[in-house]
Amino acid sequence: MSDFSRAGPIERLSSARSRARGPADAIVAATETYLRGEQLDMSALAAELGIGRATLYRWVGNREDLLAAVLADGTERAYRAAIKGAQGQGVALVVDCMRRFMSSVLVTPAIKALTQREPLLFIRLATMPGALEGRPNRLISDVLEREALNGRVRLALPAPVLAQAIIRVCDAHLYAHLLGRNNPEIESALQLVAMLLDPPRFEG
């Protein structure tokens, strides 16, 4: 957690007022609000940033838009870390990347806080088109294209299409516990990812 989020209320307010210059500052402040275990209130956030509500809405849209931006930032960082740390090549590399991503999400404070506090809202944000899906799609597409270019995997479909399918499969299993099942189903997701990239061949 950053020094800003550990500061006391007066220190936080002073710090926020001195640095609130645009949407990025609002996203940082909203993330830190969740990390402190507090409900995100747009009026309170505007006051903390030292701006008017109209300015905050102009910067980030409504509350759901802001939460989507918070999650998109956290998700992108998690994907970048997973890609950087992934080992192997071809299918094994992509599977390891998704394993690392899903494992990290389960303990990422901002994402974990929202899934626990507002699970239905989280599911809606996670499954609707936008940055929360678009950024990971581009990152995984890049990985697939690189591995295909180097001859380490054969893509049956365009990389963006496969990337979207991989992300949706993993999301459905990662958040299974929010959809009525008991626990996240990471291993099932990884098996499906491997099958998408290397489908079984049946002889006639």
Protein backbone atom coordinates (compact mmCIF):
# COMPACT_ATOMS: atom_id res chain seq x y z
CA MET A 1 0.00 0.00 0.00
CA SER A 2 1.32 3.46 -0.86
CA ASP A 3 2.37 6.15 1.63
CA PHE A 4 -0.65 8.18 0.53
CA SER A 5 -3.09 5.47 1.60
CA ARG A 6 -1.34 5.06 4.95
CA ALA A 7 -1.54 8.77 5.75
CA GLY A 8 -4.12 10.13 8.17
CA PRO A 9 -7.33 11.83 6.92
CA ILE A 10 -5.91 15.37 7.07
CA GLU A 11 -2.65 14.34 5.42
CA ARG A 12 -4.56 12.43 2.72
CA LEU A 13 -6.79 15.40 2.01
CA SER A 14 -3.84 17.78 1.78
CA SER A 15 -1.94 15.40 -0.48
CA ALA A 16 -4.92 14.81 -2.72
CA ARG A 17 -5.71 18.52 -3.08
CA SER A 18 -2.13 19.27 -4.07
CA ARG A 19 -1.97 16.65 -6.81
CA ALA A 20 -5.48 16.22 -8.26
CA ARG A 21 -4.91 17.28 -11.85
CA GLY A 22 -6.92 14.84 -13.90
CA PRO A 23 -8.57 11.43 -14.30
CA ALA A 24 -5.43 9.48 -13.33
CA ASP A 25 -5.44 11.10 -9.88
CA ALA A 26 -9.12 10.22 -9.41
CA ILE A 27 -8.42 6.59 -10.30
CA VAL A 28 -5.50 6.43 -7.85
CA ALA A 29 -7.61 7.97 -5.09
CA ALA A 30 -10.53 5.61 -5.81
CA THR A 31 -8.19 2.61 -5.68
CA GLU A 32 -6.78 3.74 -2.35
CA THR A 33 -10.33 4.21 -1.01
CA TYR A 34 -11.01 0.54 -1.73
CA LEU A 35 -7.69 -0.53 -0.28
CA ARG A 36 -8.63 1.24 2.95
CA GLY A 37 -11.80 -0.86 3.05
CA GLU A 38 -14.10 2.12 2.46
CA GLN A 39 -17.15 2.36 0.22
CA LEU A 40 -16.55 4.49 -2.86
CA ASP A 41 -18.72 7.60 -2.68
CA MET A 42 -18.38 10.12 -5.50
CA SER A 43 -19.15 13.15 -3.33
CA ALA A 44 -16.59 12.12 -0.71
CA LEU A 45 -14.01 11.38 -3.39
CA ALA A 46 -14.54 14.78 -5.03
CA ALA A 47 -14.08 16.47 -1.64
CA GLU A 48 -10.93 14.44 -0.95
CA LEU A 49 -9.51 15.48 -4.31
CA GLY A 50 -10.46 19.12 -3.73
CA ILE A 51 -12.65 19.32 -6.83
CA GLY A 52 -16.35 19.65 -7.53
CA ARG A 53 -18.62 16.70 -8.29
CA ALA A 54 -19.16 18.03 -11.81
CA THR A 55 -15.41 17.99 -12.42
CA LEU A 56 -15.08 14.46 -11.08
CA TYR A 57 -17.91 13.22 -13.31
CA ARG A 58 -16.36 14.99 -16.29
CA TRP A 59 -13.03 13.28 -15.56
CA VAL A 60 -14.21 9.72 -14.96
CA GLY A 61 -17.91 9.37 -15.78
CA ASN A 62 -20.26 7.87 -13.20
CA ARG A 63 -19.41 5.62 -10.25
CA GLU A 64 -19.53 2.44 -12.32
CA ASP A 65 -17.27 3.99 -14.95
CA LEU A 66 -14.77 4.88 -12.23
CA LEU A 67 -14.88 1.40 -10.68
CA ALA A 68 -14.38 -0.09 -14.15
CA ALA A 69 -11.31 2.11 -14.60
CA VAL A 70 -9.95 1.06 -11.20
CA LEU A 71 -10.42 -2.60 -12.08
CA ALA A 72 -9.00 -2.14 -15.57
CA ASP A 73 -5.82 -0.63 -14.15
CA GLY A 74 -5.44 -3.40 -11.59
CA THR A 75 -6.24 -6.09 -14.13
CA GLU A 76 -3.75 -4.71 -16.65
CA ARG A 77 -0.99 -4.63 -14.02
CA ALA A 78 -1.80 -8.22 -13.07
CA TYR A 79 -1.66 -9.35 -16.70
CA ARG A 80 1.62 -7.54 -17.36
CA ALA A 81 3.20 -9.15 -14.29
CA ALA A 82 1.88 -12.57 -15.32
CA ILE A 83 3.23 -12.21 -18.86
CA LYS A 84 6.60 -11.03 -17.58
CA GLY A 85 6.92 -13.99 -15.20
CA ALA A 86 5.45 -16.70 -17.43
CA GLN A 87 7.74 -19.60 -18.33
CA GLY A 88 7.82 -22.09 -21.17
CA GLN A 89 6.87 -21.50 -24.76
CA GLY A 90 3.88 -21.82 -27.02
CA VAL A 91 0.82 -23.30 -25.34
CA ALA A 92 2.69 -23.88 -22.08
CA LEU A 93 3.67 -20.20 -21.92
CA VAL A 94 0.11 -18.97 -22.41
CA VAL A 95 -1.25 -21.47 -19.88
CA ASP A 96 1.38 -20.43 -17.33
CA CYS A 97 0.56 -16.79 -17.97
CA MET A 98 -3.13 -17.35 -17.29
CA ARG A 99 -2.34 -19.44 -14.20
CA ARG A 100 -0.22 -16.62 -12.80
CA PHE A 101 -2.85 -14.04 -13.62
CA MET A 102 -5.74 -15.92 -12.02
CA SER A 103 -3.71 -16.79 -8.93
CA SER A 104 -2.70 -13.16 -8.46
CA VAL A 105 -6.24 -11.82 -8.91
CA LEU A 106 -7.46 -13.91 -5.99
CA VAL A 107 -5.16 -11.94 -3.68
CA THR A 108 -5.09 -8.52 -5.41
CA PRO A 109 -6.50 -6.15 -2.74
CA ALA A 110 -8.55 -3.78 -4.93
CA ILE A 111 -10.10 -6.57 -7.02
CA LYS A 112 -10.68 -8.80 -4.00
CA ALA A 113 -12.34 -5.92 -2.13
CA LEU A 114 -14.78 -5.21 -4.92
CA THR A 115 -15.69 -8.86 -5.49
CA GLN A 116 -16.44 -9.23 -1.79
CA ARG A 117 -18.28 -5.92 -1.34
CA GLU A 118 -20.21 -5.66 -4.61
CA PRO A 119 -20.08 -9.03 -6.37
CA LEU A 120 -22.98 -8.44 -8.77
CA LEU A 121 -21.57 -5.09 -9.85
CA PHE A 122 -18.16 -6.68 -10.33
CA ILE A 123 -19.58 -9.44 -12.55
CA ARG A 124 -21.40 -6.85 -14.67
CA LEU A 125 -18.26 -4.74 -15.06
CA ALA A 126 -16.07 -7.78 -15.78
CA THR A 127 -18.33 -9.12 -18.54
CA MET A 128 -19.29 -5.91 -20.35
CA PRO A 129 -17.24 -4.56 -23.30
CA GLY A 130 -14.70 -1.93 -22.34
CA ALA A 131 -11.23 -1.41 -20.91
CA LEU A 132 -11.59 -4.21 -18.38
CA GLU A 133 -11.71 -6.70 -21.26
CA GLY A 134 -10.00 -4.67 -23.99
CA ARG A 135 -6.63 -4.12 -22.32
CA PRO A 136 -6.03 -7.80 -21.44
CA ASN A 137 -7.24 -8.78 -24.90
CA ARG A 138 -4.50 -6.69 -26.51
CA LEU A 139 -1.84 -8.04 -24.15
CA ILE A 140 -2.75 -11.70 -24.69
CA SER A 141 -3.14 -11.11 -28.43
CA ASP A 142 0.43 -9.81 -28.49
CA VAL A 143 1.66 -12.94 -26.68
CA LEU A 144 -0.20 -15.23 -29.10
CA GLU A 145 1.07 -13.37 -32.15
CA ARG A 146 4.65 -13.47 -30.88
CA GLU A 147 4.52 -17.18 -30.16
CA ALA A 148 2.90 -17.87 -33.55
CA LEU A 149 5.48 -15.73 -35.37
CA ASN A 150 8.26 -17.72 -33.73
CA GLY A 151 6.63 -21.01 -34.73
CA ARG A 152 5.86 -22.10 -31.18
CA VAL A 153 2.09 -22.29 -31.57
CA ARG A 154 -0.36 -22.59 -34.46
CA LEU A 155 -3.40 -20.36 -34.19
CA ALA A 156 -6.63 -21.79 -35.57
CA LEU A 157 -8.26 -18.33 -35.32
CA PRO A 158 -6.98 -14.74 -35.36
CA ALA A 159 -5.07 -13.86 -32.21
CA PRO A 160 -7.61 -11.25 -30.97
CA VAL A 161 -10.46 -13.78 -31.29
CA LEU A 162 -8.52 -16.44 -29.39
CA ALA A 163 -7.40 -13.94 -26.78
CA GLN A 164 -10.98 -12.88 -26.12
CA ALA A 165 -12.09 -16.51 -25.83
CA ILE A 166 -9.23 -17.29 -23.41
CA ILE A 167 -10.03 -14.28 -21.24
CA ARG A 168 -13.75 -15.07 -21.09
CA VAL A 169 -13.15 -18.73 -20.28
CA CYS A 170 -10.76 -17.76 -17.49
CA ASP A 171 -13.08 -15.08 -16.10
CA ALA A 172 -16.04 -17.49 -16.00
CA HIS A 173 -14.01 -20.03 -14.02
CA LEU A 174 -12.03 -17.55 -11.92
CA TYR A 175 -15.23 -15.95 -10.64
CA ALA A 176 -17.21 -19.20 -10.41
CA HIS A 177 -17.75 -18.58 -6.70
CA LEU A 178 -19.60 -15.37 -7.58
CA LEU A 179 -21.82 -17.22 -10.05
CA GLY A 180 -23.27 -19.78 -7.67
CA ARG A 181 -20.52 -22.37 -7.57
CA ASN A 182 -18.36 -23.10 -4.55
CA ASN A 183 -14.83 -22.06 -5.49
CA PRO A 184 -12.76 -20.60 -8.32
CA GLU A 185 -12.09 -23.29 -10.93
CA ILE A 186 -8.61 -22.39 -12.11
CA GLU A 187 -7.49 -25.84 -13.26
CA SER A 188 -10.61 -26.31 -15.38
CA ALA A 189 -9.99 -22.94 -17.02
CA LEU A 190 -6.38 -23.83 -17.80
CA GLN A 191 -7.40 -27.14 -19.39
CA LEU A 192 -9.83 -25.29 -21.65
CA VAL A 193 -7.18 -22.70 -22.57
CA ALA A 194 -4.83 -25.51 -23.60
CA MET A 195 -7.60 -27.08 -25.72
CA LEU A 196 -8.35 -23.76 -27.43
CA LEU A 197 -4.71 -23.44 -28.46
CA ASP A 198 -4.08 -27.11 -29.22
CA PRO A 199 -7.43 -28.78 -29.97
CA PRO A 200 -7.52 -32.57 -30.04
CA ARG A 201 -7.38 -34.11 -33.47
CA PHE A 202 -9.83 -36.86 -34.30
CA GLU A 203 -9.10 -39.32 -37.06
CA GLY A 204 -12.01 -40.26 -39.28
